[in-house]
Amino acid sequence: MSENSEVSSSTIFGYKQEGSILTCSYSGSSIVSGHLIGLVENNGNINMRYHQISTNGELMTGTCQSTPEIMPNGKIRLHETWQWTSGNLSKGTSVLEEI
């Protein structure tokens, strides 16, 4: 996890996919409410946009490129490269795992 990320192990993501459209609501840690929308490419990679409100009342937006990995137990791990499109415009990486 990058230092400039607001996501932690207590952030819960609820993904839903219909065809090539991926949506998600998430919250936890310093995030009160967040949403993302993305397109799943033919190779499984995901191109997403997100917005969220932090516990300090800040509205943040960003972009994310995600590469899924199917783990030996059949669950999904997402390797993400993202960038804020608001605030300091910094970049980072995250790894999310299905529980």
PDB file of N, CA and C in Angstrom:
ATOM      1  N   MET A   1       0.842  -1.169   0.000  1.00  0.00           N
ATOM      2  CA  MET A   1       0.000   0.000   0.000  1.00  0.00           C
ATOM      3  C   MET A   1       0.894   1.241   0.000  1.00  0.00           C
ATOM      4  N   SER A   2       0.556   2.187  -0.806  1.00  0.00           N
ATOM      5  CA  SER A   2       1.314   3.435  -0.860  1.00  0.00           C
ATOM      6  C   SER A   2       0.966   4.310   0.341  1.00  0.00           C
ATOM      7  N   GLU A   3       1.925   5.130   0.774  1.00  0.00           N
ATOM      8  CA  GLU A   3       1.702   5.996   1.928  1.00  0.00           C
ATOM      9  C   GLU A   3       0.586   7.002   1.701  1.00  0.00           C
ATOM     10  N   ASN A   4       0.360   7.422   0.437  1.00  0.00           N
ATOM     11  CA  ASN A   4      -0.646   8.435   0.135  1.00  0.00           C
ATOM     12  C   ASN A   4      -2.020   7.827  -0.129  1.00  0.00           C
ATOM     13  N   SER A   5      -2.176   6.550   0.144  1.00  0.00           N
ATOM     14  CA  SER A   5      -3.457   5.863  -0.011  1.00  0.00           C
ATOM     15  C   SER A   5      -4.322   6.109   1.222  1.00  0.00           C
ATOM     16  N   GLU A   6      -5.635   6.190   1.032  1.00  0.00           N
ATOM     17  CA  GLU A   6      -6.559   6.292   2.162  1.00  0.00           C
ATOM     18  C   GLU A   6      -7.202   4.944   2.462  1.00  0.00           C
ATOM     19  N   VAL A   7      -6.815   3.908   1.725  1.00  0.00           N
ATOM     20  CA  VAL A   7      -7.336   2.564   1.900  1.00  0.00           C
ATOM     21  C   VAL A   7      -6.460   1.819   2.899  1.00  0.00           C
ATOM     22  N   SER A   8      -7.107   1.018   3.756  1.00  0.00           N
ATOM     23  CA  SER A   8      -6.370   0.177   4.689  1.00  0.00           C
ATOM     24  C   SER A   8      -7.052  -1.186   4.745  1.00  0.00           C
ATOM     25  N   SER A   9      -6.551  -2.057   5.607  1.00  0.00           N
ATOM     26  CA  SER A   9      -7.148  -3.390   5.730  1.00  0.00           C
ATOM     27  C   SER A   9      -8.567  -3.336   6.282  1.00  0.00           C
ATOM     28  N   SER A  10      -8.983  -2.201   6.837  1.00  0.00           N
ATOM     29  CA  SER A  10     -10.355  -2.084   7.344  1.00  0.00           C
ATOM     30  C   SER A  10     -11.316  -1.486   6.310  1.00  0.00           C
ATOM     31  N   THR A  11     -10.824  -1.189   5.112  1.00  0.00           N
ATOM     32  CA  THR A  11     -11.692  -0.688   4.039  1.00  0.00           C
ATOM     33  C   THR A  11     -12.353  -1.882   3.354  1.00  0.00           C
ATOM     34  N   ILE A  12     -13.671  -1.834   3.253  1.00  0.00           N
ATOM     35  CA  ILE A  12     -14.440  -2.923   2.640  1.00  0.00           C
ATOM     36  C   ILE A  12     -14.995  -2.447   1.302  1.00  0.00           C
ATOM     37  N   PHE A  13     -14.755  -3.247   0.262  1.00  0.00           N
ATOM     38  CA  PHE A  13     -15.219  -2.959  -1.095  1.00  0.00           C
ATOM     39  C   PHE A  13     -16.291  -3.972  -1.475  1.00  0.00           C
ATOM     40  N   GLY A  14     -17.385  -3.503  -2.063  1.00  0.00           N
ATOM     41  CA  GLY A  14     -18.451  -4.379  -2.553  1.00  0.00           C
ATOM     42  C   GLY A  14     -18.572  -4.246  -4.058  1.00  0.00           C
ATOM     43  N   TYR A  15     -17.894  -5.126  -4.792  1.00  0.00           N
ATOM     44  CA  TYR A  15     -17.866  -5.053  -6.260  1.00  0.00           C
ATOM     45  C   TYR A  15     -19.067  -5.769  -6.876  1.00  0.00           C
ATOM     46  N   LYS A  16     -19.506  -5.263  -8.019  1.00  0.00           N
ATOM     47  CA  LYS A  16     -20.572  -5.883  -8.804  1.00  0.00           C
ATOM     48  C   LYS A  16     -20.203  -5.722 -10.273  1.00  0.00           C
ATOM     49  N   GLN A  17     -20.300  -6.814 -11.037  1.00  0.00           N
ATOM     50  CA  GLN A  17     -19.982  -6.756 -12.464  1.00  0.00           C
ATOM     51  C   GLN A  17     -21.166  -7.235 -13.280  1.00  0.00           C
ATOM     52  N   GLU A  18     -21.530  -6.432 -14.286  1.00  0.00           N
ATOM     53  CA  GLU A  18     -22.558  -6.799 -15.255  1.00  0.00           C
ATOM     54  C   GLU A  18     -21.954  -6.602 -16.631  1.00  0.00           C
ATOM     55  N   GLY A  19     -21.637  -7.714 -17.305  1.00  0.00           N
ATOM     56  CA  GLY A  19     -20.950  -7.625 -18.586  1.00  0.00           C
ATOM     57  C   GLY A  19     -19.589  -7.000 -18.375  1.00  0.00           C
ATOM     58  N   SER A  20     -19.297  -5.952 -19.126  1.00  0.00           N
ATOM     59  CA  SER A  20     -17.984  -5.293 -19.009  1.00  0.00           C
ATOM     60  C   SER A  20     -18.006  -4.106 -18.040  1.00  0.00           C
ATOM     61  N   ILE A  21     -19.142  -3.874 -17.371  1.00  0.00           N
ATOM     62  CA  ILE A  21     -19.259  -2.736 -16.454  1.00  0.00           C
ATOM     63  C   ILE A  21     -19.083  -3.212 -15.016  1.00  0.00           C
ATOM     64  N   LEU A  22     -18.152  -2.570 -14.312  1.00  0.00           N
ATOM     65  CA  LEU A  22     -17.865  -2.886 -12.919  1.00  0.00           C
ATOM     66  C   LEU A  22     -18.241  -1.682 -12.061  1.00  0.00           C
ATOM     67  N   THR A  23     -18.975  -1.913 -10.971  1.00  0.00           N
ATOM     68  CA  THR A  23     -19.296  -0.848 -10.018  1.00  0.00           C
ATOM     69  C   THR A  23     -18.912  -1.327  -8.620  1.00  0.00           C
ATOM     70  N   CYS A  24     -18.746  -0.362  -7.725  1.00  0.00           N
ATOM     71  CA  CYS A  24     -18.330  -0.712  -6.372  1.00  0.00           C
ATOM     72  C   CYS A  24     -18.681   0.426  -5.423  1.00  0.00           C
ATOM     73  N   SER A  25     -19.105   0.066  -4.224  1.00  0.00           N
ATOM     74  CA  SER A  25     -19.238   1.000  -3.106  1.00  0.00           C
ATOM     75  C   SER A  25     -18.240   0.551  -2.061  1.00  0.00           C
ATOM     76  N   TYR A  26     -17.619   1.500  -1.373  1.00  0.00           N
ATOM     77  CA  TYR A  26     -16.644   1.137  -0.358  1.00  0.00           C
ATOM     78  C   TYR A  26     -16.624   2.162   0.769  1.00  0.00           C
ATOM     79  N   SER A  27     -16.157   1.713   1.938  1.00  0.00           N
ATOM     80  CA  SER A  27     -16.001   2.582   3.100  1.00  0.00           C
ATOM     81  C   SER A  27     -15.099   1.889   4.105  1.00  0.00           C
ATOM     82  N   GLY A  28     -14.678   2.655   5.094  1.00  0.00           N
ATOM     83  CA  GLY A  28     -13.834   2.125   6.152  1.00  0.00           C
ATOM     84  C   GLY A  28     -12.547   2.902   6.244  1.00  0.00           C
ATOM     85  N   SER A  29     -11.868   2.772   7.359  1.00  0.00           N
ATOM     86  CA  SER A  29     -10.646   3.517   7.640  1.00  0.00           C
ATOM     87  C   SER A  29     -10.990   4.998   7.606  1.00  0.00           C
ATOM     88  N   SER A  30     -10.323   5.795   6.778  1.00  0.00           N
ATOM     89  CA  SER A  30     -10.600   7.234   6.729  1.00  0.00           C
ATOM     90  C   SER A  30     -11.595   7.603   5.635  1.00  0.00           C
ATOM     91  N   ILE A  31     -12.301   6.604   5.081  1.00  0.00           N
ATOM     92  CA  ILE A  31     -13.269   6.848   4.009  1.00  0.00           C
ATOM     93  C   ILE A  31     -14.677   6.644   4.539  1.00  0.00           C
ATOM     94  N   VAL A  32     -15.489   7.703   4.489  1.00  0.00           N
ATOM     95  CA  VAL A  32     -16.885   7.615   4.916  1.00  0.00           C
ATOM     96  C   VAL A  32     -17.706   6.914   3.847  1.00  0.00           C
ATOM     97  N   SER A  33     -17.509   7.324   2.587  1.00  0.00           N
ATOM     98  CA  SER A  33     -18.253   6.745   1.476  1.00  0.00           C
ATOM     99  C   SER A  33     -17.458   6.923   0.191  1.00  0.00           C
ATOM    100  N   GLY A  34     -17.373   5.855  -0.587  1.00  0.00           N
ATOM    101  CA  GLY A  34     -16.692   5.917  -1.870  1.00  0.00           C
ATOM    102  C   GLY A  34     -17.396   5.063  -2.901  1.00  0.00           C
ATOM    103  N   HIS A  35     -17.238   5.429  -4.163  1.00  0.00           N
ATOM    104  CA  HIS A  35     -17.825   4.679  -5.273  1.00  0.00           C
ATOM    105  C   HIS A  35     -16.827   4.642  -6.416  1.00  0.00           C
ATOM    106  N   LEU A  36     -16.882   3.567  -7.169  1.00  0.00           N
ATOM    107  CA  LEU A  36     -16.073   3.517  -8.380  1.00  0.00           C
ATOM    108  C   LEU A  36     -16.900   2.915  -9.499  1.00  0.00           C
ATOM    109  N   ILE A  37     -16.509   3.246 -10.715  1.00  0.00           N
ATOM    110  CA  ILE A  37     -17.114   2.678 -11.905  1.00  0.00           C
ATOM    111  C   ILE A  37     -15.976   2.370 -12.862  1.00  0.00           C
ATOM    112  N   GLY A  38     -16.073   1.236 -13.533  1.00  0.00           N
ATOM    113  CA  GLY A  38     -14.980   0.851 -14.410  1.00  0.00           C
ATOM    114  C   GLY A  38     -15.441  -0.011 -15.556  1.00  0.00           C
ATOM    115  N   LEU A  39     -14.553  -0.136 -16.524  1.00  0.00           N
ATOM    116  CA  LEU A  39     -14.769  -1.014 -17.669  1.00  0.00           C
ATOM    117  C   LEU A  39     -13.766  -2.160 -17.599  1.00  0.00           C
ATOM    118  N   VAL A  40     -14.269  -3.386 -17.726  1.00  0.00           N
ATOM    119  CA  VAL A  40     -13.422  -4.570 -17.740  1.00  0.00           C
ATOM    120  C   VAL A  40     -13.055  -4.856 -19.195  1.00  0.00           C
ATOM    121  N   GLU A  41     -11.754  -4.869 -19.477  1.00  0.00           N
ATOM    122  CA  GLU A  41     -11.267  -5.117 -20.828  1.00  0.00           C
ATOM    123  C   GLU A  41     -11.300  -6.615 -21.135  1.00  0.00           C
ATOM    124  N   ASN A  42     -11.155  -6.977 -22.399  1.00  0.00           N
ATOM    125  CA  ASN A  42     -11.180  -8.383 -22.812  1.00  0.00           C
ATOM    126  C   ASN A  42     -10.148  -9.229 -22.083  1.00  0.00           C
ATOM    127  N   ASN A  43      -8.995  -8.654 -21.734  1.00  0.00           N
ATOM    128  CA  ASN A  43      -7.942  -9.395 -21.036  1.00  0.00           C
ATOM    129  C   ASN A  43      -8.162  -9.437 -19.519  1.00  0.00           C
ATOM    130  N   GLY A  44      -9.258  -8.843 -19.028  1.00  0.00           N
ATOM    131  CA  GLY A  44      -9.591  -8.851 -17.605  1.00  0.00           C
ATOM    132  C   GLY A  44      -9.137  -7.626 -16.849  1.00  0.00           C
ATOM    133  N   ASN A  45      -8.243  -6.828 -17.422  1.00  0.00           N
ATOM    134  CA  ASN A  45      -7.804  -5.607 -16.753  1.00  0.00           C
ATOM    135  C   ASN A  45      -8.971  -4.638 -16.619  1.00  0.00           C
ATOM    136  N   ILE A  46      -8.904  -3.773 -15.610  1.00  0.00           N
ATOM    137  CA  ILE A  46     -10.018  -2.869 -15.306  1.00  0.00           C
ATOM    138  C   ILE A  46      -9.517  -1.431 -15.340  1.00  0.00           C
ATOM    139  N   ASN A  47     -10.236  -0.581 -16.047  1.00  0.00           N
ATOM    140  CA  ASN A  47      -9.960   0.857 -16.116  1.00  0.00           C
ATOM    141  C   ASN A  47     -11.068   1.536 -15.318  1.00  0.00           C
ATOM    142  N   MET A  48     -10.710   2.180 -14.190  1.00  0.00           N
ATOM    143  CA  MET A  48     -11.712   2.701 -13.259  1.00  0.00           C
ATOM    144  C   MET A  48     -11.536   4.187 -12.974  1.00  0.00           C
ATOM    145  N   ARG A  49     -12.625   4.786 -12.513  1.00  0.00           N
ATOM    146  CA  ARG A  49     -12.644   6.137 -11.950  1.00  0.00           C
ATOM    147  C   ARG A  49     -13.332   6.024 -10.587  1.00  0.00           C
ATOM    148  N   TYR A  50     -12.867   6.814  -9.630  1.00  0.00           N
ATOM    149  CA  TYR A  50     -13.471   6.741  -8.298  1.00  0.00           C
ATOM    150  C   TYR A  50     -13.618   8.120  -7.675  1.00  0.00           C
ATOM    151  N   HIS A  51     -14.537   8.193  -6.729  1.00  0.00           N
ATOM    152  CA  HIS A  51     -14.702   9.394  -5.906  1.00  0.00           C
ATOM    153  C   HIS A  51     -15.051   8.941  -4.491  1.00  0.00           C
ATOM    154  N   GLN A  52     -14.623   9.742  -3.520  1.00  0.00           N
ATOM    155  CA  GLN A  52     -14.855   9.374  -2.123  1.00  0.00           C
ATOM    156  C   GLN A  52     -14.861  10.603  -1.239  1.00  0.00           C
ATOM    157  N   ILE A  53     -15.501  10.447  -0.072  1.00  0.00           N
ATOM    158  CA  ILE A  53     -15.508  11.491   0.952  1.00  0.00           C
ATOM    159  C   ILE A  53     -14.799  10.931   2.180  1.00  0.00           C
ATOM    160  N   SER A  54     -13.813  11.676   2.685  1.00  0.00           N
ATOM    161  CA  SER A  54     -13.031  11.222   3.829  1.00  0.00           C
ATOM    162  C   SER A  54     -13.693  11.653   5.138  1.00  0.00           C
ATOM    163  N   THR A  55     -13.187  11.112   6.234  1.00  0.00           N
ATOM    164  CA  THR A  55     -13.731  11.442   7.548  1.00  0.00           C
ATOM    165  C   THR A  55     -13.519  12.917   7.904  1.00  0.00           C
ATOM    166  N   ASN A  56     -12.587  13.596   7.220  1.00  0.00           N
ATOM    167  CA  ASN A  56     -12.396  15.036   7.473  1.00  0.00           C
ATOM    168  C   ASN A  56     -13.227  15.894   6.514  1.00  0.00           C
ATOM    169  N   GLY A  57     -14.154  15.254   5.754  1.00  0.00           N
ATOM    170  CA  GLY A  57     -15.067  15.981   4.885  1.00  0.00           C
ATOM    171  C   GLY A  57     -14.507  16.362   3.533  1.00  0.00           C
ATOM    172  N   GLU A  58     -13.372  15.794   3.161  1.00  0.00           N
ATOM    173  CA  GLU A  58     -12.746  16.121   1.883  1.00  0.00           C
ATOM    174  C   GLU A  58     -13.274  15.204   0.778  1.00  0.00           C
ATOM    175  N   LEU A  59     -13.669  15.804  -0.350  1.00  0.00           N
ATOM    176  CA  LEU A  59     -14.109  15.064  -1.531  1.00  0.00           C
ATOM    177  C   LEU A  59     -12.892  14.848  -2.421  1.00  0.00           C
ATOM    178  N   MET A  60     -12.605  13.586  -2.741  1.00  0.00           N
ATOM    179  CA  MET A  60     -11.434  13.234  -3.542  1.00  0.00           C
ATOM    180  C   MET A  60     -11.879  12.425  -4.762  1.00  0.00           C
ATOM    181  N   THR A  61     -11.127  12.552  -5.858  1.00  0.00           N
ATOM    182  CA  THR A  61     -11.403  11.798  -7.078  1.00  0.00           C
ATOM    183  C   THR A  61     -10.102  11.218  -7.613  1.00  0.00           C
ATOM    184  N   GLY A  62     -10.217  10.157  -8.421  1.00  0.00           N
ATOM    185  CA  GLY A  62      -9.017   9.565  -8.984  1.00  0.00           C
ATOM    186  C   GLY A  62      -9.298   8.560 -10.074  1.00  0.00           C
ATOM    187  N   THR A  63      -8.215   8.057 -10.655  1.00  0.00           N
ATOM    188  CA  THR A  63      -8.262   7.023 -11.686  1.00  0.00           C
ATOM    189  C   THR A  63      -7.478   5.819 -11.194  1.00  0.00           C
ATOM    190  N   CYS A  64      -7.793   4.652 -11.734  1.00  0.00           N
ATOM    191  CA  CYS A  64      -7.129   3.431 -11.306  1.00  0.00           C
ATOM    192  C   CYS A  64      -7.091   2.428 -12.449  1.00  0.00           C
ATOM    193  N   GLN A  65      -5.951   1.784 -12.616  1.00  0.00           N
ATOM    194  CA  GLN A  65      -5.799   0.655 -13.527  1.00  0.00           C
ATOM    195  C   GLN A  65      -5.560  -0.562 -12.656  1.00  0.00           C
ATOM    196  N   SER A  66      -6.370  -1.606 -12.865  1.00  0.00           N
ATOM    197  CA  SER A  66      -6.301  -2.773 -12.001  1.00  0.00           C
ATOM    198  C   SER A  66      -6.105  -4.039 -12.829  1.00  0.00           C
ATOM    199  N   THR A  67      -5.184  -4.893 -12.372  1.00  0.00           N
ATOM    200  CA  THR A  67      -4.935  -6.174 -13.016  1.00  0.00           C
ATOM    201  C   THR A  67      -5.320  -7.278 -12.040  1.00  0.00           C
ATOM    202  N   PRO A  68      -6.323  -8.095 -12.396  1.00  0.00           N
ATOM    203  CA  PRO A  68      -6.744  -9.162 -11.491  1.00  0.00           C
ATOM    204  C   PRO A  68      -5.828 -10.382 -11.573  1.00  0.00           C
ATOM    205  N   GLU A  69      -5.718 -11.070 -10.441  1.00  0.00           N
ATOM    206  CA  GLU A  69      -4.981 -12.329 -10.358  1.00  0.00           C
ATOM    207  C   GLU A  69      -5.881 -13.327  -9.639  1.00  0.00           C
ATOM    208  N   ILE A  70      -6.045 -14.512 -10.200  1.00  0.00           N
ATOM    209  CA  ILE A  70      -6.802 -15.564  -9.519  1.00  0.00           C
ATOM    210  C   ILE A  70      -5.802 -16.327  -8.649  1.00  0.00           C
ATOM    211  N   MET A  71      -6.036 -16.310  -7.348  1.00  0.00           N
ATOM    212  CA  MET A  71      -5.138 -16.963  -6.399  1.00  0.00           C
ATOM    213  C   MET A  71      -5.417 -18.469  -6.372  1.00  0.00           C
ATOM    214  N   PRO A  72      -4.503 -19.266  -5.838  1.00  0.00           N
ATOM    215  CA  PRO A  72      -4.691 -20.725  -5.788  1.00  0.00           C
ATOM    216  C   PRO A  72      -5.989 -21.152  -5.095  1.00  0.00           C
ATOM    217  N   ASN A  73      -6.486 -20.346  -4.153  1.00  0.00           N
ATOM    218  CA  ASN A  73      -7.735 -20.683  -3.455  1.00  0.00           C
ATOM    219  C   ASN A  73      -8.976 -20.251  -4.237  1.00  0.00           C
ATOM    220  N   GLY A  74      -8.774 -19.703  -5.475  1.00  0.00           N
ATOM    221  CA  GLY A  74      -9.891 -19.302  -6.325  1.00  0.00           C
ATOM    222  C   GLY A  74     -10.370 -17.880  -6.104  1.00  0.00           C
ATOM    223  N   LYS A  75      -9.857 -17.219  -5.083  1.00  0.00           N
ATOM    224  CA  LYS A  75     -10.255 -15.831  -4.824  1.00  0.00           C
ATOM    225  C   LYS A  75      -9.446 -14.872  -5.692  1.00  0.00           C
ATOM    226  N   ILE A  76      -9.910 -13.629  -5.765  1.00  0.00           N
ATOM    227  CA  ILE A  76      -9.302 -12.639  -6.654  1.00  0.00           C
ATOM    228  C   ILE A  76      -8.429 -11.685  -5.866  1.00  0.00           C
ATOM    229  N   ARG A  77      -7.265 -11.390  -6.428  1.00  0.00           N
ATOM    230  CA  ARG A  77      -6.368 -10.358  -5.914  1.00  0.00           C
ATOM    231  C   ARG A  77      -6.240  -9.302  -7.010  1.00  0.00           C
ATOM    232  N   LEU A  78      -6.423  -8.022  -6.657  1.00  0.00           N
ATOM    233  CA  LEU A  78      -6.307  -6.923  -7.616  1.00  0.00           C
ATOM    234  C   LEU A  78      -5.015  -6.148  -7.367  1.00  0.00           C
ATOM    235  N   HIS A  79      -4.206  -6.019  -8.401  1.00  0.00           N
ATOM    236  CA  HIS A  79      -2.976  -5.220  -8.357  1.00  0.00           C
ATOM    237  C   HIS A  79      -3.301  -3.882  -9.007  1.00  0.00           C
ATOM    238  N   GLU A  80      -3.262  -2.818  -8.221  1.00  0.00           N
ATOM    239  CA  GLU A  80      -3.750  -1.521  -8.704  1.00  0.00           C
ATOM    240  C   GLU A  80      -2.657  -0.457  -8.757  1.00  0.00           C
ATOM    241  N   THR A  81      -2.734   0.334  -9.808  1.00  0.00           N
ATOM    242  CA  THR A  81      -1.922   1.540  -9.951  1.00  0.00           C
ATOM    243  C   THR A  81      -2.917   2.680 -10.093  1.00  0.00           C
ATOM    244  N   TRP A  82      -2.818   3.687  -9.238  1.00  0.00           N
ATOM    245  CA  TRP A  82      -3.827   4.741  -9.220  1.00  0.00           C
ATOM    246  C   TRP A  82      -3.181   6.114  -9.124  1.00  0.00           C
ATOM    247  N   GLN A  83      -4.012   7.126  -9.403  1.00  0.00           N
ATOM    248  CA  GLN A  83      -3.570   8.512  -9.261  1.00  0.00           C
ATOM    249  C   GLN A  83      -4.754   9.364  -8.851  1.00  0.00           C
ATOM    250  N   TRP A  84      -4.516  10.236  -7.869  1.00  0.00           N
ATOM    251  CA  TRP A  84      -5.531  11.220  -7.500  1.00  0.00           C
ATOM    252  C   TRP A  84      -5.669  12.227  -8.643  1.00  0.00           C
ATOM    253  N   THR A  85      -6.911  12.602  -8.952  1.00  0.00           N
ATOM    254  CA  THR A  85      -7.164  13.669  -9.928  1.00  0.00           C
ATOM    255  C   THR A  85      -7.620  14.936  -9.210  1.00  0.00           C
ATOM    256  N   SER A  86      -7.549  14.908  -7.902  1.00  0.00           N
ATOM    257  CA  SER A  86      -7.829  16.076  -7.067  1.00  0.00           C
ATOM    258  C   SER A  86      -6.755  16.114  -5.988  1.00  0.00           C
ATOM    259  N   GLY A  87      -6.764  17.152  -5.205  1.00  0.00           N
ATOM    260  CA  GLY A  87      -5.763  17.256  -4.137  1.00  0.00           C
ATOM    261  C   GLY A  87      -4.361  17.394  -4.698  1.00  0.00           C
ATOM    262  N   ASN A  88      -3.439  16.578  -4.196  1.00  0.00           N
ATOM    263  CA  ASN A  88      -2.031  16.715  -4.587  1.00  0.00           C
ATOM    264  C   ASN A  88      -1.647  15.960  -5.863  1.00  0.00           C
ATOM    265  N   LEU A  89      -2.607  15.276  -6.498  1.00  0.00           N
ATOM    266  CA  LEU A  89      -2.403  14.554  -7.768  1.00  0.00           C
ATOM    267  C   LEU A  89      -1.350  13.453  -7.672  1.00  0.00           C
ATOM    268  N   SER A  90      -1.063  12.980  -6.471  1.00  0.00           N
ATOM    269  CA  SER A  90      -0.036  11.953  -6.302  1.00  0.00           C
ATOM    270  C   SER A  90      -0.506  10.609  -6.845  1.00  0.00           C
ATOM    271  N   LYS A  91       0.452   9.689  -7.000  1.00  0.00           N
ATOM    272  CA  LYS A  91       0.216   8.348  -7.532  1.00  0.00           C
ATOM    273  C   LYS A  91       0.557   7.312  -6.483  1.00  0.00           C
ATOM    274  N   GLY A  92       0.082   6.085  -6.694  1.00  0.00           N
ATOM    275  CA  GLY A  92       0.426   5.017  -5.781  1.00  0.00           C
ATOM    276  C   GLY A  92       0.009   3.662  -6.305  1.00  0.00           C
ATOM    277  N   THR A  93       0.243   2.651  -5.489  1.00  0.00           N
ATOM    278  CA  THR A  93      -0.159   1.283  -5.811  1.00  0.00           C
ATOM    279  C   THR A  93      -0.869   0.681  -4.609  1.00  0.00           C
ATOM    280  N   SER A  94      -1.744  -0.266  -4.882  1.00  0.00           N
ATOM    281  CA  SER A  94      -2.465  -0.987  -3.838  1.00  0.00           C
ATOM    282  C   SER A  94      -2.658  -2.422  -4.291  1.00  0.00           C
ATOM    283  N   VAL A  95      -2.803  -3.329  -3.336  1.00  0.00           N
ATOM    284  CA  VAL A  95      -3.169  -4.701  -3.612  1.00  0.00           C
ATOM    285  C   VAL A  95      -4.384  -5.008  -2.754  1.00  0.00           C
ATOM    286  N   LEU A  96      -5.483  -5.413  -3.414  1.00  0.00           N
ATOM    287  CA  LEU A  96      -6.714  -5.760  -2.707  1.00  0.00           C
ATOM    288  C   LEU A  96      -6.972  -7.235  -2.874  1.00  0.00           C
ATOM    289  N   GLU A  97      -7.396  -7.914  -1.802  1.00  0.00           N
ATOM    290  CA  GLU A  97      -7.680  -9.331  -1.877  1.00  0.00           C
ATOM    291  C   GLU A  97      -9.090  -9.622  -1.414  1.00  0.00           C
ATOM    292  N   GLU A  98      -9.734 -10.534  -2.142  1.00  0.00           N
ATOM    293  CA  GLU A  98     -11.069 -10.995  -1.781  1.00  0.00           C
ATOM    294  C   GLU A  98     -10.988 -11.791  -0.493  1.00  0.00           C
ATOM    295  N   ILE A  99     -11.959 -11.564   0.406  1.00  0.00           N
ATOM    296  CA  ILE A  99     -11.983 -12.321   1.673  1.00  0.00           C
ATOM    297  C   ILE A  99     -13.131 -13.289   1.687  1.00  0.00           C
TER     298      ILE A  99
END
